[in-house]
C-alpha atoms as a PDB file:
ATOM      1  CA  UNK A   1      17.373   4.896 -14.991  1.00  0.00           C
ATOM      2  CA  UNK A   2      16.644   1.175 -14.633  1.00  0.00           C
ATOM      3  CA  UNK A   3      13.831  -0.321 -16.706  1.00  0.00           C
ATOM      4  CA  UNK A   4      12.931  -2.639 -13.827  1.00  0.00           C
ATOM      5  CA  UNK A   5      12.405   0.235 -11.410  1.00  0.00           C
ATOM      6  CA  UNK A   6      10.702   2.597 -13.827  1.00  0.00           C
ATOM      7  CA  UNK A   7       8.791   0.411 -16.248  1.00  0.00           C
ATOM      8  CA  UNK A   8       5.714   1.803 -17.937  1.00  0.00           C
ATOM      9  CA  UNK A   9       3.262  -0.120 -15.727  1.00  0.00           C
ATOM     10  CA  UNK A  10       4.746   1.415 -12.580  1.00  0.00           C
ATOM     11  CA  UNK A  11       4.777   4.917 -14.060  1.00  0.00           C
ATOM     12  CA  UNK A  12       1.150   4.516 -15.194  1.00  0.00           C
ATOM     13  CA  UNK A  13      -0.003   3.367 -11.756  1.00  0.00           C
ATOM     14  CA  UNK A  14       1.724   6.294 -10.075  1.00  0.00           C
ATOM     15  CA  UNK A  15       0.320   8.765 -12.616  1.00  0.00           C
ATOM     16  CA  UNK A  16      -3.222   7.430 -12.156  1.00  0.00           C
ATOM     17  CA  UNK A  17      -2.831   8.068  -8.416  1.00  0.00           C
ATOM     18  CA  UNK A  18      -6.018   6.195  -7.478  1.00  0.00           C
ATOM     19  CA  UNK A  19      -7.073   7.207  -3.984  1.00  0.00           C
ATOM     20  CA  UNK A  20      -4.688  10.154  -3.761  1.00  0.00           C
ATOM     21  CA  UNK A  21      -5.632  12.770  -1.200  1.00  0.00           C
ATOM     22  CA  UNK A  22      -7.109  12.623   2.272  1.00  0.00           C
ATOM     23  CA  UNK A  23     -10.502  11.523   3.587  1.00  0.00           C
ATOM     24  CA  UNK A  24     -12.623  14.298   5.080  1.00  0.00           C
ATOM     25  CA  UNK A  25     -13.563  12.181   8.106  1.00  0.00           C
ATOM     26  CA  UNK A  26     -11.350   9.097   8.403  1.00  0.00           C
ATOM     27  CA  UNK A  27     -11.923   6.608  11.179  1.00  0.00           C
ATOM     28  CA  UNK A  28      -8.187   6.048  11.324  1.00  0.00           C
ATOM     29  CA  UNK A  29      -4.936   7.295   9.861  1.00  0.00           C
ATOM     30  CA  UNK A  30      -1.304   6.312   9.972  1.00  0.00           C
ATOM     31  CA  UNK A  31       1.894   7.766   8.580  1.00  0.00           C
ATOM     32  CA  UNK A  32       4.835   5.559   7.749  1.00  0.00           C
ATOM     33  CA  UNK A  33       8.329   6.704   6.872  1.00  0.00           C
ATOM     34  CA  UNK A  34      11.211   4.968   5.154  1.00  0.00           C
ATOM     35  CA  UNK A  35      14.325   6.436   6.772  1.00  0.00           C
ATOM     36  CA  UNK A  36      16.664   4.979   4.161  1.00  0.00           C
ATOM     37  CA  UNK A  37      15.200   7.058   1.315  1.00  0.00           C
ATOM     38  CA  UNK A  38      12.876   9.610   2.921  1.00  0.00           C
ATOM     39  CA  UNK A  39       9.602   8.231   1.525  1.00  0.00           C
ATOM     40  CA  UNK A  40       6.559   9.127   3.605  1.00  0.00           C
ATOM     41  CA  UNK A  41       2.973   7.980   3.145  1.00  0.00           C
ATOM     42  CA  UNK A  42      -0.125   8.849   5.157  1.00  0.00           C
ATOM     43  CA  UNK A  43      -3.129   6.584   4.750  1.00  0.00           C
ATOM     44  CA  UNK A  44      -6.678   7.388   5.868  1.00  0.00           C
ATOM     45  CA  UNK A  45      -9.282   4.657   6.204  1.00  0.00           C
ATOM     46  CA  UNK A  46     -12.969   4.517   6.969  1.00  0.00           C
ATOM     47  CA  UNK A  47     -14.481   1.233   8.091  1.00  0.00           C
ATOM     48  CA  UNK A  48     -17.885  -0.364   7.907  1.00  0.00           C
ATOM     49  CA  UNK A  49     -18.330  -3.626   9.805  1.00  0.00           C
ATOM     50  CA  UNK A  50     -14.560  -4.094  10.063  1.00  0.00           C
ATOM     51  CA  UNK A  51     -13.958  -3.644   6.335  1.00  0.00           C
ATOM     52  CA  UNK A  52     -12.421  -0.709   4.511  1.00  0.00           C
ATOM     53  CA  UNK A  53     -15.261   1.371   3.086  1.00  0.00           C
ATOM     54  CA  UNK A  54     -13.029   4.258   1.961  1.00  0.00           C
ATOM     55  CA  UNK A  55      -9.285   4.727   1.642  1.00  0.00           C
ATOM     56  CA  UNK A  56      -7.079   7.630   0.620  1.00  0.00           C
ATOM     57  CA  UNK A  57      -3.396   8.298   0.783  1.00  0.00           C
ATOM     58  CA  UNK A  58      -1.024  11.202   0.624  1.00  0.00           C
ATOM     59  CA  UNK A  59       2.468  10.312  -0.553  1.00  0.00           C
ATOM     60  CA  UNK A  60       5.675  12.248  -0.499  1.00  0.00           C
ATOM     61  CA  UNK A  61       7.632   9.424  -1.989  1.00  0.00           C
ATOM     62  CA  UNK A  62       9.314   7.752  -4.920  1.00  0.00           C
ATOM     63  CA  UNK A  63       7.457   6.386  -7.910  1.00  0.00           C
ATOM     64  CA  UNK A  64       7.443   2.858  -6.429  1.00  0.00           C
ATOM     65  CA  UNK A  65       5.670   3.954  -3.250  1.00  0.00           C
ATOM     66  CA  UNK A  66       3.249   6.105  -5.241  1.00  0.00           C
ATOM     67  CA  UNK A  67       2.376   3.187  -7.528  1.00  0.00           C
ATOM     68  CA  UNK A  68       1.882   0.791  -4.618  1.00  0.00           C
ATOM     69  CA  UNK A  69      -0.358   3.316  -2.854  1.00  0.00           C
ATOM     70  CA  UNK A  70      -2.385   3.744  -6.037  1.00  0.00           C
ATOM     71  CA  UNK A  71      -3.012  -0.017  -6.235  1.00  0.00           C
ATOM     72  CA  UNK A  72      -4.413   0.088  -2.706  1.00  0.00           C
ATOM     73  CA  UNK A  73      -6.421   3.206  -3.497  1.00  0.00           C
ATOM     74  CA  UNK A  74      -8.041   1.413  -6.402  1.00  0.00           C
ATOM     75  CA  UNK A  75      -8.634  -2.020  -4.881  1.00  0.00           C
ATOM     76  CA  UNK A  76      -8.477  -2.113  -1.066  1.00  0.00           C
ATOM     77  CA  UNK A  77     -12.116  -1.167  -0.467  1.00  0.00           C
ATOM     78  CA  UNK A  78     -13.960  -4.098   1.070  1.00  0.00           C
ATOM     79  CA  UNK A  79     -10.906  -5.720   2.664  1.00  0.00           C
ATOM     80  CA  UNK A  80     -10.411  -6.304   6.380  1.00  0.00           C
ATOM     81  CA  UNK A  81      -7.197  -6.290   8.406  1.00  0.00           C
ATOM     82  CA  UNK A  82      -6.496 -10.012   7.888  1.00  0.00           C
ATOM     83  CA  UNK A  83      -6.893  -9.655   4.119  1.00  0.00           C
ATOM     84  CA  UNK A  84      -4.581  -6.621   3.988  1.00  0.00           C
ATOM     85  CA  UNK A  85      -2.060  -8.560   6.072  1.00  0.00           C
ATOM     86  CA  UNK A  86      -2.283 -11.523   3.672  1.00  0.00           C
ATOM     87  CA  UNK A  87      -1.844  -9.146   0.743  1.00  0.00           C
ATOM     88  CA  UNK A  88       1.260  -7.618   2.348  1.00  0.00           C
ATOM     89  CA  UNK A  89       2.710 -11.114   2.825  1.00  0.00           C
ATOM     90  CA  UNK A  90       1.924 -11.999  -0.814  1.00  0.00           C
ATOM     91  CA  UNK A  91       3.596  -8.810  -2.060  1.00  0.00           C
ATOM     92  CA  UNK A  92       6.631  -9.463   0.141  1.00  0.00           C
ATOM     93  CA  UNK A  93       6.814 -13.013  -1.246  1.00  0.00           C
ATOM     94  CA  UNK A  94       6.606 -11.692  -4.809  1.00  0.00           C
ATOM     95  CA  UNK A  95       9.377  -9.179  -4.124  1.00  0.00           C
ATOM     96  CA  UNK A  96      11.529 -12.065  -2.922  1.00  0.00           C
ATOM     97  CA  UNK A  97      11.011 -13.839  -6.241  1.00  0.00           C
ATOM     98  CA  UNK A  98       7.693 -15.637  -5.650  1.00  0.00           C
ATOM     99  CA  UNK A  99       4.496 -15.404  -7.660  1.00  0.00           C
ATOM    100  CA  UNK A 100       2.290 -12.341  -8.031  1.00  0.00           C
ATOM    101  CA  UNK A 101      -0.551 -11.642  -5.596  1.00  0.00           C
ATOM    102  CA  UNK A 102      -3.997 -12.842  -6.710  1.00  0.00           C
ATOM    103  CA  UNK A 103      -6.662 -10.694  -8.372  1.00  0.00           C
ATOM    104  CA  UNK A 104      -7.650  -7.959  -7.914  1.00  0.00           C
ATOM    105  CA  UNK A 105      -4.104  -7.177  -6.828  1.00  0.00           C
ATOM    106  CA  UNK A 106      -2.308  -8.573  -9.862  1.00  0.00           C
ATOM    107  CA  UNK A 107      -1.239  -4.976 -10.621  1.00  0.00           C
ATOM    108  CA  UNK A 108       1.543  -5.647  -8.107  1.00  0.00           C
ATOM    109  CA  UNK A 109       3.094  -7.816 -10.849  1.00  0.00           C
ATOM    110  CA  UNK A 110       4.546  -4.541 -12.167  1.00  0.00           C
ATOM    111  CA  UNK A 111       7.074  -4.846  -9.309  1.00  0.00           C
ATOM    112  CA  UNK A 112       8.069  -8.442 -10.051  1.00  0.00           C
ATOM    113  CA  UNK A 113      11.533  -7.440 -11.279  1.00  0.00           C
ATOM    114  CA  UNK A 114      12.563  -5.945  -7.940  1.00  0.00           C
ATOM    115  CA  UNK A 115      13.856  -9.181  -6.388  1.00  0.00           C
ATOM    116  CA  UNK A 116      17.454  -8.042  -6.913  1.00  0.00           C
ATOM    117  CA  UNK A 117      16.712  -4.540  -5.560  1.00  0.00           C
ATOM    118  CA  UNK A 118      16.137  -5.404  -1.894  1.00  0.00           C
ATOM    119  CA  UNK A 119      16.612  -1.803  -0.829  1.00  0.00           C
ATOM    120  CA  UNK A 120      13.516  -0.830  -2.814  1.00  0.00           C
ATOM    121  CA  UNK A 121      11.224  -3.500  -1.313  1.00  0.00           C
ATOM    122  CA  UNK A 122      10.375  -1.162   1.583  1.00  0.00           C
ATOM    123  CA  UNK A 123       9.194   1.434  -0.948  1.00  0.00           C
ATOM    124  CA  UNK A 124       6.577  -0.972  -2.315  1.00  0.00           C
ATOM    125  CA  UNK A 125       5.561  -2.240   1.133  1.00  0.00           C
ATOM    126  CA  UNK A 126       5.286   1.177   2.827  1.00  0.00           C
ATOM    127  CA  UNK A 127       1.635   1.888   1.832  1.00  0.00           C
ATOM    128  CA  UNK A 128       0.600  -1.605   2.961  1.00  0.00           C
ATOM    129  CA  UNK A 129       2.366  -1.045   6.279  1.00  0.00           C
ATOM    130  CA  UNK A 130       0.546   2.277   6.694  1.00  0.00           C
ATOM    131  CA  UNK A 131      -2.853   0.665   6.096  1.00  0.00           C
ATOM    132  CA  UNK A 132      -2.056  -2.083   8.597  1.00  0.00           C
ATOM    133  CA  UNK A 133      -0.902   0.507  11.147  1.00  0.00           C
ATOM    134  CA  UNK A 134      -4.113   2.549  10.703  1.00  0.00           C
ATOM    135  CA  UNK A 135      -6.220  -0.601  11.131  1.00  0.00           C
ATOM    136  CA  UNK A 136      -4.230  -1.668  14.202  1.00  0.00           C
ATOM    137  CA  UNK A 137      -4.676   1.764  15.794  1.00  0.00           C
ATOM    138  CA  UNK A 138      -8.422   1.500  15.199  1.00  0.00           C
ATOM    139  CA  UNK A 139      -8.519  -2.001  16.645  1.00  0.00           C
ATOM    140  CA  UNK A 140      -6.652  -0.903  19.766  1.00  0.00           C
ATOM    141  CA  UNK A 141      -9.011   2.046  20.208  1.00  0.00           C
ATOM    142  CA  UNK A 142     -12.130  -0.159  20.143  1.00  0.00           C
ATOM    143  CA  UNK A 143     -13.752  -0.594  23.531  1.00  0.00           C
ATOM    144  CA  UNK A 144     -13.284  -4.104  24.904  1.00  0.00           C
ATOM    145  CA  UNK A 145     -16.339  -6.007  26.151  1.00  0.00           C
END
């Protein structure tokens, strides 16, 4: 077991499982799958004025995906699609060796040692991709004026 992949911060985030479960009445949902390892995450979102007012996720995934989903479950409320997209780009940059995302998402710093584990980047990004997919589905379903 590699310390970089299974450091205490990552294990703690996954164990806390902030936002784990499903929303009773989500406005949108999306399921994303990582075919290379079998990870699967379903994210439910509720929106108020274009911002996430509630978020929950169900993961059948590795510890990295669970921890990433827990960060979103704890801190994504209040964000809109553009902010989630910017967060995903910041996390992707960090995974490539760049700096950590800004507060309140500095918990993603727990993954900063994954630069040399490119195959595991998708695990960390999967919950972010699911949120973006759910928000895109909602946006496409909105009636156009």
